[in-house]
């Protein structure tokens, strides 16, 4: 299915793109090739192929969540530019 210049112009309008006539001709050719390839992929028989969530076998790579001694307040606030007691000081947002 080849796209027409008017169809590509409409897609460009929806994407808020301004195209010159040379760009329009080039983009019409490129988008038509993409649409033709998608059409070719749709004709592939996928009966009996199980859907995949990911093409590679993946596993959880995160470390175990184990309880530990928390960082002391003094160490956490050592480089704080402004402190109010045991908390970070930040500029007021509301009056």
PDB file of N, CA and C in Angstrom:
ATOM      1  N   UNK A   1       0.852  -1.180   0.000  1.00  0.00           N
ATOM      2  CA  UNK A   1       0.000   0.000   0.000  1.00  0.00           C
ATOM      3  C   UNK A   1       0.891   1.233   0.000  1.00  0.00           C
ATOM      4  N   UNK A   2       0.945   1.907  -1.084  1.00  0.00           N
ATOM      5  CA  UNK A   2       1.735   3.129  -1.167  1.00  0.00           C
ATOM      6  C   UNK A   2       0.917   4.306  -0.655  1.00  0.00           C
ATOM      7  N   UNK A   3       1.592   5.180   0.043  1.00  0.00           N
ATOM      8  CA  UNK A   3       0.928   6.379   0.554  1.00  0.00           C
ATOM      9  C   UNK A   3       0.998   7.478  -0.497  1.00  0.00           C
ATOM     10  N   UNK A   4       0.004   8.318  -0.484  1.00  0.00           N
ATOM     11  CA  UNK A   4       0.014   9.469  -1.387  1.00  0.00           C
ATOM     12  C   UNK A   4       0.650  10.660  -0.690  1.00  0.00           C
ATOM     13  N   UNK A   5       1.016  11.640  -1.457  1.00  0.00           N
ATOM     14  CA  UNK A   5       1.608  12.857  -0.890  1.00  0.00           C
ATOM     15  C   UNK A   5       0.618  13.556   0.038  1.00  0.00           C
ATOM     16  N   UNK A   6      -0.673  13.496  -0.306  1.00  0.00           N
ATOM     17  CA  UNK A   6      -1.682  14.122   0.558  1.00  0.00           C
ATOM     18  C   UNK A   6      -1.764  13.422   1.908  1.00  0.00           C
ATOM     19  N   UNK A   7      -1.646  12.103   1.925  1.00  0.00           N
ATOM     20  CA  UNK A   7      -1.686  11.374   3.189  1.00  0.00           C
ATOM     21  C   UNK A   7      -0.471  11.724   4.050  1.00  0.00           C
ATOM     22  N   UNK A   8       0.684  11.810   3.430  1.00  0.00           N
ATOM     23  CA  UNK A   8       1.893  12.167   4.175  1.00  0.00           C
ATOM     24  C   UNK A   8       1.809  13.610   4.642  1.00  0.00           C
ATOM     25  N   UNK A   9       1.256  14.477   3.824  1.00  0.00           N
ATOM     26  CA  UNK A   9       1.071  15.878   4.215  1.00  0.00           C
ATOM     27  C   UNK A   9       0.156  15.954   5.445  1.00  0.00           C
ATOM     28  N   UNK A  10      -0.895  15.121   5.481  1.00  0.00           N
ATOM     29  CA  UNK A  10      -1.827  15.113   6.612  1.00  0.00           C
ATOM     30  C   UNK A  10      -1.127  14.603   7.874  1.00  0.00           C
ATOM     31  N   UNK A  11      -0.315  13.554   7.741  1.00  0.00           N
ATOM     32  CA  UNK A  11       0.436  13.043   8.888  1.00  0.00           C
ATOM     33  C   UNK A  11       1.398  14.117   9.392  1.00  0.00           C
ATOM     34  N   UNK A  12       2.056  14.805   8.492  1.00  0.00           N
ATOM     35  CA  UNK A  12       2.952  15.893   8.887  1.00  0.00           C
ATOM     36  C   UNK A  12       2.181  17.004   9.601  1.00  0.00           C
ATOM     37  N   UNK A  13       0.987  17.294   9.130  1.00  0.00           N
ATOM     38  CA  UNK A  13       0.148  18.306   9.784  1.00  0.00           C
ATOM     39  C   UNK A  13      -0.199  17.867  11.203  1.00  0.00           C
ATOM     40  N   UNK A  14      -0.566  16.595  11.369  1.00  0.00           N
ATOM     41  CA  UNK A  14      -0.910  16.086  12.702  1.00  0.00           C
ATOM     42  C   UNK A  14       0.293  16.134  13.643  1.00  0.00           C
ATOM     43  N   UNK A  15       1.493  15.934  13.075  1.00  0.00           N
ATOM     44  CA  UNK A  15       2.717  15.972  13.873  1.00  0.00           C
ATOM     45  C   UNK A  15       3.261  17.392  14.003  1.00  0.00           C
ATOM     46  N   UNK A  16       2.549  18.355  13.456  1.00  0.00           N
ATOM     47  CA  UNK A  16       2.956  19.765  13.487  1.00  0.00           C
ATOM     48  C   UNK A  16       4.326  19.959  12.840  1.00  0.00           C
ATOM     49  N   UNK A  17       4.525  19.296  11.682  1.00  0.00           N
ATOM     50  CA  UNK A  17       5.769  19.425  10.930  1.00  0.00           C
ATOM     51  C   UNK A  17       5.529  20.236   9.672  1.00  0.00           C
ATOM     52  N   UNK A  18       6.454  21.100   9.349  1.00  0.00           N
ATOM     53  CA  UNK A  18       6.399  21.830   8.093  1.00  0.00           C
ATOM     54  C   UNK A  18       7.399  21.190   7.147  1.00  0.00           C
ATOM     55  N   UNK A  19       6.915  20.691   5.991  1.00  0.00           N
ATOM     56  CA  UNK A  19       7.772  20.000   5.040  1.00  0.00           C
ATOM     57  C   UNK A  19       7.848  20.768   3.724  1.00  0.00           C
ATOM     58  N   UNK A  20       9.045  20.841   3.185  1.00  0.00           N
ATOM     59  CA  UNK A  20       9.183  21.401   1.841  1.00  0.00           C
ATOM     60  C   UNK A  20       8.729  20.336   0.852  1.00  0.00           C
ATOM     61  N   UNK A  21       8.588  20.708  -0.405  1.00  0.00           N
ATOM     62  CA  UNK A  21       8.153  19.749  -1.413  1.00  0.00           C
ATOM     63  C   UNK A  21       9.180  18.624  -1.577  1.00  0.00           C
ATOM     64  N   UNK A  22      10.467  18.958  -1.471  1.00  0.00           N
ATOM     65  CA  UNK A  22      11.507  17.928  -1.574  1.00  0.00           C
ATOM     66  C   UNK A  22      11.432  16.961  -0.400  1.00  0.00           C
ATOM     67  N   UNK A  23      11.233  17.517   0.810  1.00  0.00           N
ATOM     68  CA  UNK A  23      11.089  16.669   1.991  1.00  0.00           C
ATOM     69  C   UNK A  23       9.830  15.813   1.894  1.00  0.00           C
ATOM     70  N   UNK A  24       8.764  16.391   1.374  1.00  0.00           N
ATOM     71  CA  UNK A  24       7.511  15.664   1.236  1.00  0.00           C
ATOM     72  C   UNK A  24       7.677  14.476   0.295  1.00  0.00           C
ATOM     73  N   UNK A  25       8.364  14.676  -0.811  1.00  0.00           N
ATOM     74  CA  UNK A  25       8.570  13.584  -1.766  1.00  0.00           C
ATOM     75  C   UNK A  25       9.419  12.478  -1.138  1.00  0.00           C
ATOM     76  N   UNK A  26      10.477  12.872  -0.443  1.00  0.00           N
ATOM     77  CA  UNK A  26      11.360  11.890   0.187  1.00  0.00           C
ATOM     78  C   UNK A  26      10.628  11.136   1.289  1.00  0.00           C
ATOM     79  N   UNK A  27       9.877  11.860   2.121  1.00  0.00           N
ATOM     80  CA  UNK A  27       9.155  11.237   3.229  1.00  0.00           C
ATOM     81  C   UNK A  27       8.032  10.337   2.720  1.00  0.00           C
ATOM     82  N   UNK A  28       7.399  10.706   1.614  1.00  0.00           N
ATOM     83  CA  UNK A  28       6.358   9.866   1.032  1.00  0.00           C
ATOM     84  C   UNK A  28       6.949   8.516   0.638  1.00  0.00           C
ATOM     85  N   UNK A  29       8.105   8.534   0.034  1.00  0.00           N
ATOM     86  CA  UNK A  29       8.770   7.296  -0.371  1.00  0.00           C
ATOM     87  C   UNK A  29       9.160   6.455   0.843  1.00  0.00           C
ATOM     88  N   UNK A  30       9.723   7.105   1.861  1.00  0.00           N
ATOM     89  CA  UNK A  30      10.176   6.376   3.036  1.00  0.00           C
ATOM     90  C   UNK A  30       9.017   5.806   3.841  1.00  0.00           C
ATOM     91  N   UNK A  31       7.976   6.597   4.059  1.00  0.00           N
ATOM     92  CA  UNK A  31       6.824   6.102   4.819  1.00  0.00           C
ATOM     93  C   UNK A  31       6.088   5.002   4.058  1.00  0.00           C
ATOM     94  N   UNK A  32       6.026   5.111   2.747  1.00  0.00           N
ATOM     95  CA  UNK A  32       5.409   4.048   1.953  1.00  0.00           C
ATOM     96  C   UNK A  32       6.177   2.745   2.112  1.00  0.00           C
ATOM     97  N   UNK A  33       7.501   2.809   2.140  1.00  0.00           N
ATOM     98  CA  UNK A  33       8.315   1.612   2.336  1.00  0.00           C
ATOM     99  C   UNK A  33       8.057   0.993   3.709  1.00  0.00           C
ATOM    100  N   UNK A  34       7.902   1.830   4.730  1.00  0.00           N
ATOM    101  CA  UNK A  34       7.626   1.332   6.081  1.00  0.00           C
ATOM    102  C   UNK A  34       6.263   0.662   6.127  1.00  0.00           C
ATOM    103  N   UNK A  35       5.258   1.307   5.549  1.00  0.00           N
ATOM    104  CA  UNK A  35       3.901   0.734   5.555  1.00  0.00           C
ATOM    105  C   UNK A  35       3.875  -0.574   4.763  1.00  0.00           C
ATOM    106  N   UNK A  36       4.589  -0.635   3.653  1.00  0.00           N
ATOM    107  CA  UNK A  36       4.662  -1.868   2.870  1.00  0.00           C
ATOM    108  C   UNK A  36       5.328  -2.982   3.667  1.00  0.00           C
ATOM    109  N   UNK A  37       6.358  -2.659   4.424  1.00  0.00           N
ATOM    110  CA  UNK A  37       7.035  -3.670   5.233  1.00  0.00           C
ATOM    111  C   UNK A  37       6.124  -4.181   6.343  1.00  0.00           C
ATOM    112  N   UNK A  38       5.374  -3.299   6.987  1.00  0.00           N
ATOM    113  CA  UNK A  38       4.433  -3.724   8.020  1.00  0.00           C
ATOM    114  C   UNK A  38       3.376  -4.639   7.395  1.00  0.00           C
ATOM    115  N   UNK A  39       2.920  -4.319   6.193  1.00  0.00           N
ATOM    116  CA  UNK A  39       1.976  -5.191   5.505  1.00  0.00           C
ATOM    117  C   UNK A  39       2.572  -6.557   5.220  1.00  0.00           C
ATOM    118  N   UNK A  40       3.846  -6.573   4.886  1.00  0.00           N
ATOM    119  CA  UNK A  40       4.528  -7.841   4.647  1.00  0.00           C
ATOM    120  C   UNK A  40       4.607  -8.643   5.947  1.00  0.00           C
ATOM    121  N   UNK A  41       4.873  -7.997   7.063  1.00  0.00           N
ATOM    122  CA  UNK A  41       4.932  -8.689   8.349  1.00  0.00           C
ATOM    123  C   UNK A  41       3.570  -9.244   8.752  1.00  0.00           C
ATOM    124  N   UNK A  42       2.502  -8.552   8.379  1.00  0.00           N
ATOM    125  CA  UNK A  42       1.163  -9.020   8.729  1.00  0.00           C
ATOM    126  C   UNK A  42       0.793 -10.290   7.984  1.00  0.00           C
ATOM    127  N   UNK A  43       1.446 -10.571   6.870  1.00  0.00           N
ATOM    128  CA  UNK A  43       1.118 -11.768   6.107  1.00  0.00           C
ATOM    129  C   UNK A  43       1.834 -13.011   6.638  1.00  0.00           C
ATOM    130  N   UNK A  44       2.729 -12.862   7.610  1.00  0.00           N
ATOM    131  CA  UNK A  44       3.467 -14.006   8.167  1.00  0.00           C
ATOM    132  C   UNK A  44       2.524 -14.828   9.030  1.00  0.00           C
ATOM    133  N   UNK A  45       2.555 -16.143   8.849  1.00  0.00           N
ATOM    134  CA  UNK A  45       1.713 -17.048   9.626  1.00  0.00           C
ATOM    135  C   UNK A  45       2.314 -17.224  11.020  1.00  0.00           C
ATOM    136  N   UNK A  46       1.584 -16.824  12.029  1.00  0.00           N
ATOM    137  CA  UNK A  46       2.067 -16.929  13.407  1.00  0.00           C
ATOM    138  C   UNK A  46       1.231 -17.907  14.222  1.00  0.00           C
ATOM    139  N   UNK A  47       0.484 -18.797  13.543  1.00  0.00           N
ATOM    140  CA  UNK A  47      -0.298 -19.801  14.270  1.00  0.00           C
ATOM    141  C   UNK A  47       0.645 -20.720  15.033  1.00  0.00           C
ATOM    142  N   UNK A  48       0.337 -20.982  16.269  1.00  0.00           N
ATOM    143  CA  UNK A  48       1.147 -21.869  17.084  1.00  0.00           C
ATOM    144  C   UNK A  48       2.359 -21.214  17.722  1.00  0.00           C
ATOM    145  N   UNK A  49       2.552 -19.935  17.495  1.00  0.00           N
ATOM    146  CA  UNK A  49       3.675 -19.229  18.110  1.00  0.00           C
ATOM    147  C   UNK A  49       3.168 -18.572  19.387  1.00  0.00           C
ATOM    148  N   UNK A  50       3.806 -18.938  20.490  1.00  0.00           N
ATOM    149  CA  UNK A  50       3.360 -18.376  21.769  1.00  0.00           C
ATOM    150  C   UNK A  50       3.836 -16.937  21.904  1.00  0.00           C
ATOM    151  N   UNK A  51       2.979 -16.062  22.441  1.00  0.00           N
ATOM    152  CA  UNK A  51       3.399 -14.663  22.631  1.00  0.00           C
ATOM    153  C   UNK A  51       4.510 -14.571  23.669  1.00  0.00           C
ATOM    154  N   UNK A  52       5.384 -13.591  23.469  1.00  0.00           N
ATOM    155  CA  UNK A  52       6.504 -13.380  24.376  1.00  0.00           C
ATOM    156  C   UNK A  52       6.380 -12.028  25.065  1.00  0.00           C
ATOM    157  N   UNK A  53       6.814 -11.974  26.303  1.00  0.00           N
ATOM    158  CA  UNK A  53       6.906 -10.691  26.982  1.00  0.00           C
ATOM    159  C   UNK A  53       8.238 -10.041  26.657  1.00  0.00           C
ATOM    160  N   UNK A  54       9.243 -10.889  26.360  1.00  0.00           N
ATOM    161  CA  UNK A  54      10.583 -10.398  26.047  1.00  0.00           C
ATOM    162  C   UNK A  54      11.275 -11.457  25.209  1.00  0.00           C
ATOM    163  N   UNK A  55      12.039 -11.068  24.213  1.00  0.00           N
ATOM    164  CA  UNK A  55      12.671 -12.072  23.356  1.00  0.00           C
ATOM    165  C   UNK A  55      13.808 -12.843  24.026  1.00  0.00           C
ATOM    166  N   UNK A  56      14.351 -12.337  25.095  1.00  0.00           N
ATOM    167  CA  UNK A  56      15.455 -13.005  25.784  1.00  0.00           C
ATOM    168  C   UNK A  56      15.001 -13.476  27.154  1.00  0.00           C
ATOM    169  N   UNK A  57      15.581 -14.563  27.645  1.00  0.00           N
ATOM    170  CA  UNK A  57      15.221 -14.987  29.005  1.00  0.00           C
ATOM    171  C   UNK A  57      15.805 -14.000  30.009  1.00  0.00           C
ATOM    172  N   UNK A  58      14.956 -13.372  30.753  1.00  0.00           N
ATOM    173  CA  UNK A  58      15.428 -12.389  31.727  1.00  0.00           C
ATOM    174  C   UNK A  58      14.999 -12.810  33.124  1.00  0.00           C
ATOM    175  N   UNK A  59      15.690 -12.315  34.097  1.00  0.00           N
ATOM    176  CA  UNK A  59      15.342 -12.580  35.482  1.00  0.00           C
ATOM    177  C   UNK A  59      15.575 -11.305  36.288  1.00  0.00           C
ATOM    178  N   UNK A  60      15.068 -11.326  37.484  1.00  0.00           N
ATOM    179  CA  UNK A  60      15.193 -10.163  38.351  1.00  0.00           C
ATOM    180  C   UNK A  60      16.655 -10.012  38.757  1.00  0.00           C
ATOM    181  N   UNK A  61      17.238  -8.874  38.457  1.00  0.00           N
ATOM    182  CA  UNK A  61      18.644  -8.654  38.761  1.00  0.00           C
ATOM    183  C   UNK A  61      18.834  -7.782  40.009  1.00  0.00           C
ATOM    184  N   UNK A  62      17.772  -7.500  40.703  1.00  0.00           N
ATOM    185  CA  UNK A  62      17.873  -6.675  41.890  1.00  0.00           C
ATOM    186  C   UNK A  62      18.349  -7.513  43.079  1.00  0.00           C
ATOM    187  N   UNK A  63      19.026  -6.876  43.996  1.00  0.00           N
ATOM    188  CA  UNK A  63      19.489  -7.575  45.190  1.00  0.00           C
ATOM    189  C   UNK A  63      18.307  -7.832  46.119  1.00  0.00           C
ATOM    190  N   UNK A  64      18.498  -8.745  47.014  1.00  0.00           N
ATOM    191  CA  UNK A  64      17.473  -9.032  47.998  1.00  0.00           C
ATOM    192  C   UNK A  64      17.297  -7.823  48.918  1.00  0.00           C
ATOM    193  N   UNK A  65      16.078  -7.578  49.338  1.00  0.00           N
ATOM    194  CA  UNK A  65      15.782  -6.481  50.240  1.00  0.00           C
ATOM    195  C   UNK A  65      15.953  -6.990  51.662  1.00  0.00           C
ATOM    196  N   UNK A  66      17.093  -6.679  52.238  1.00  0.00           N
ATOM    197  CA  UNK A  66      17.400  -7.157  53.578  1.00  0.00           C
ATOM    198  C   UNK A  66      17.472  -5.976  54.540  1.00  0.00           C
ATOM    199  N   UNK A  67      16.928  -6.125  55.736  1.00  0.00           N
ATOM    200  CA  UNK A  67      17.003  -5.026  56.706  1.00  0.00           C
ATOM    201  C   UNK A  67      18.448  -4.818  57.158  1.00  0.00           C
ATOM    202  N   UNK A  68      18.795  -3.566  57.396  1.00  0.00           N
ATOM    203  CA  UNK A  68      20.126  -3.227  57.873  1.00  0.00           C
ATOM    204  C   UNK A  68      20.034  -1.968  58.719  1.00  0.00           C
ATOM    205  N   UNK A  69      21.134  -1.596  59.317  1.00  0.00           N
ATOM    206  CA  UNK A  69      21.175  -0.412  60.161  1.00  0.00           C
ATOM    207  C   UNK A  69      21.074   0.814  59.252  1.00  0.00           C
ATOM    208  N   UNK A  70      20.119   1.721  59.521  1.00  0.00           N
ATOM    209  CA  UNK A  70      19.976   2.898  58.660  1.00  0.00           C
ATOM    210  C   UNK A  70      21.133   3.875  58.838  1.00  0.00           C
ATOM    211  N   UNK A  71      21.270   4.761  57.860  1.00  0.00           N
ATOM    212  CA  UNK A  71      22.285   5.810  57.907  1.00  0.00           C
ATOM    213  C   UNK A  71      21.946   6.772  59.046  1.00  0.00           C
ATOM    214  N   UNK A  72      22.915   7.109  59.882  1.00  0.00           N
ATOM    215  CA  UNK A  72      22.625   8.055  60.972  1.00  0.00           C
ATOM    216  C   UNK A  72      22.229   9.432  60.413  1.00  0.00           C
ATOM    217  N   UNK A  73      21.391  10.144  61.142  1.00  0.00           N
ATOM    218  CA  UNK A  73      20.900  11.447  60.702  1.00  0.00           C
ATOM    219  C   UNK A  73      22.056  12.403  60.455  1.00  0.00           C
ATOM    220  N   UNK A  74      23.045  12.413  61.304  1.00  0.00           N
ATOM    221  CA  UNK A  74      24.184  13.322  61.143  1.00  0.00           C
ATOM    222  C   UNK A  74      24.930  13.041  59.840  1.00  0.00           C
ATOM    223  N   UNK A  75      25.097  11.790  59.484  1.00  0.00           N
ATOM    224  CA  UNK A  75      25.795  11.435  58.245  1.00  0.00           C
ATOM    225  C   UNK A  75      24.942  11.795  57.026  1.00  0.00           C
ATOM    226  N   UNK A  76      23.626  11.597  57.135  1.00  0.00           N
ATOM    227  CA  UNK A  76      22.733  11.896  56.011  1.00  0.00           C
ATOM    228  C   UNK A  76      22.673  13.400  55.747  1.00  0.00           C
ATOM    229  N   UNK A  77      22.747  14.208  56.796  1.00  0.00           N
ATOM    230  CA  UNK A  77      22.630  15.653  56.644  1.00  0.00           C
ATOM    231  C   UNK A  77      23.973  16.372  56.669  1.00  0.00           C
ATOM    232  N   UNK A  78      25.066  15.634  56.564  1.00  0.00           N
ATOM    233  CA  UNK A  78      26.396  16.236  56.677  1.00  0.00           C
ATOM    234  C   UNK A  78      26.637  17.308  55.620  1.00  0.00           C
ATOM    235  N   UNK A  79      26.148  17.129  54.406  1.00  0.00           N
ATOM    236  CA  UNK A  79      26.384  18.093  53.333  1.00  0.00           C
ATOM    237  C   UNK A  79      25.158  18.945  53.012  1.00  0.00           C
ATOM    238  N   UNK A  80      24.160  18.915  53.866  1.00  0.00           N
ATOM    239  CA  UNK A  80      22.944  19.695  53.613  1.00  0.00           C
ATOM    240  C   UNK A  80      23.250  21.181  53.716  1.00  0.00           C
ATOM    241  N   UNK A  81      22.852  21.981  52.717  1.00  0.00           N
ATOM    242  CA  UNK A  81      23.119  23.418  52.786  1.00  0.00           C
ATOM    243  C   UNK A  81      22.300  24.119  53.854  1.00  0.00           C
ATOM    244  N   UNK A  82      21.137  23.568  54.207  1.00  0.00           N
ATOM    245  CA  UNK A  82      20.282  24.184  55.208  1.00  0.00           C
ATOM    246  C   UNK A  82      19.629  23.068  56.017  1.00  0.00           C
ATOM    247  N   UNK A  83      19.692  23.183  57.328  1.00  0.00           N
ATOM    248  CA  UNK A  83      19.106  22.164  58.203  1.00  0.00           C
ATOM    249  C   UNK A  83      18.153  22.803  59.189  1.00  0.00           C
ATOM    250  N   UNK A  84      17.101  22.066  59.481  1.00  0.00           N
ATOM    251  CA  UNK A  84      16.169  22.464  60.548  1.00  0.00           C
ATOM    252  C   UNK A  84      16.027  21.252  61.448  1.00  0.00           C
ATOM    253  N   UNK A  85      16.819  21.226  62.488  1.00  0.00           N
ATOM    254  CA  UNK A  85      16.823  20.061  63.369  1.00  0.00           C
ATOM    255  C   UNK A  85      17.377  18.860  62.617  1.00  0.00           C
ATOM    256  N   UNK A  86      16.614  17.781  62.584  1.00  0.00           N
ATOM    257  CA  UNK A  86      17.048  16.572  61.898  1.00  0.00           C
ATOM    258  C   UNK A  86      16.495  16.462  60.500  1.00  0.00           C
ATOM    259  N   UNK A  87      16.189  17.597  59.859  1.00  0.00           N
ATOM    260  CA  UNK A  87      15.570  17.580  58.530  1.00  0.00           C
ATOM    261  C   UNK A  87      16.309  18.527  57.589  1.00  0.00           C
ATOM    262  N   UNK A  88      16.123  18.305  56.283  1.00  0.00           N
ATOM    263  CA  UNK A  88      16.630  19.234  55.273  1.00  0.00           C
ATOM    264  C   UNK A  88      15.785  20.495  55.313  1.00  0.00           C
ATOM    265  N   UNK A  89      16.428  21.649  55.197  1.00  0.00           N
ATOM    266  CA  UNK A  89      15.700  22.909  55.094  1.00  0.00           C
ATOM    267  C   UNK A  89      15.483  23.244  53.634  1.00  0.00           C
ATOM    268  N   UNK A  90      14.244  23.563  53.277  1.00  0.00           N
ATOM    269  CA  UNK A  90      13.923  23.928  51.891  1.00  0.00           C
ATOM    270  C   UNK A  90      13.153  25.233  51.887  1.00  0.00           C
ATOM    271  N   UNK A  91      13.216  25.986  50.782  1.00  0.00           N
ATOM    272  CA  UNK A  91      12.457  27.237  50.719  1.00  0.00           C
ATOM    273  C   UNK A  91      10.949  26.966  50.782  1.00  0.00           C
ATOM    274  N   UNK A  92      10.238  27.890  51.397  1.00  0.00           N
ATOM    275  CA  UNK A  92       8.783  27.761  51.500  1.00  0.00           C
ATOM    276  C   UNK A  92       8.147  27.881  50.109  1.00  0.00           C
ATOM    277  N   UNK A  93       7.158  27.032  49.857  1.00  0.00           N
ATOM    278  CA  UNK A  93       6.458  27.054  48.580  1.00  0.00           C
ATOM    279  C   UNK A  93       5.137  27.816  48.721  1.00  0.00           C
ATOM    280  N   UNK A  94       4.480  27.654  49.827  1.00  0.00           N
ATOM    281  CA  UNK A  94       3.213  28.322  50.097  1.00  0.00           C
ATOM    282  C   UNK A  94       3.397  29.384  51.160  1.00  0.00           C
ATOM    283  N   UNK A  95       2.546  30.371  51.144  1.00  0.00           N
ATOM    284  CA  UNK A  95       2.616  31.432  52.175  1.00  0.00           C
ATOM    285  C   UNK A  95       2.176  30.931  53.511  1.00  0.00           C
TER     286      UNK A  95
END
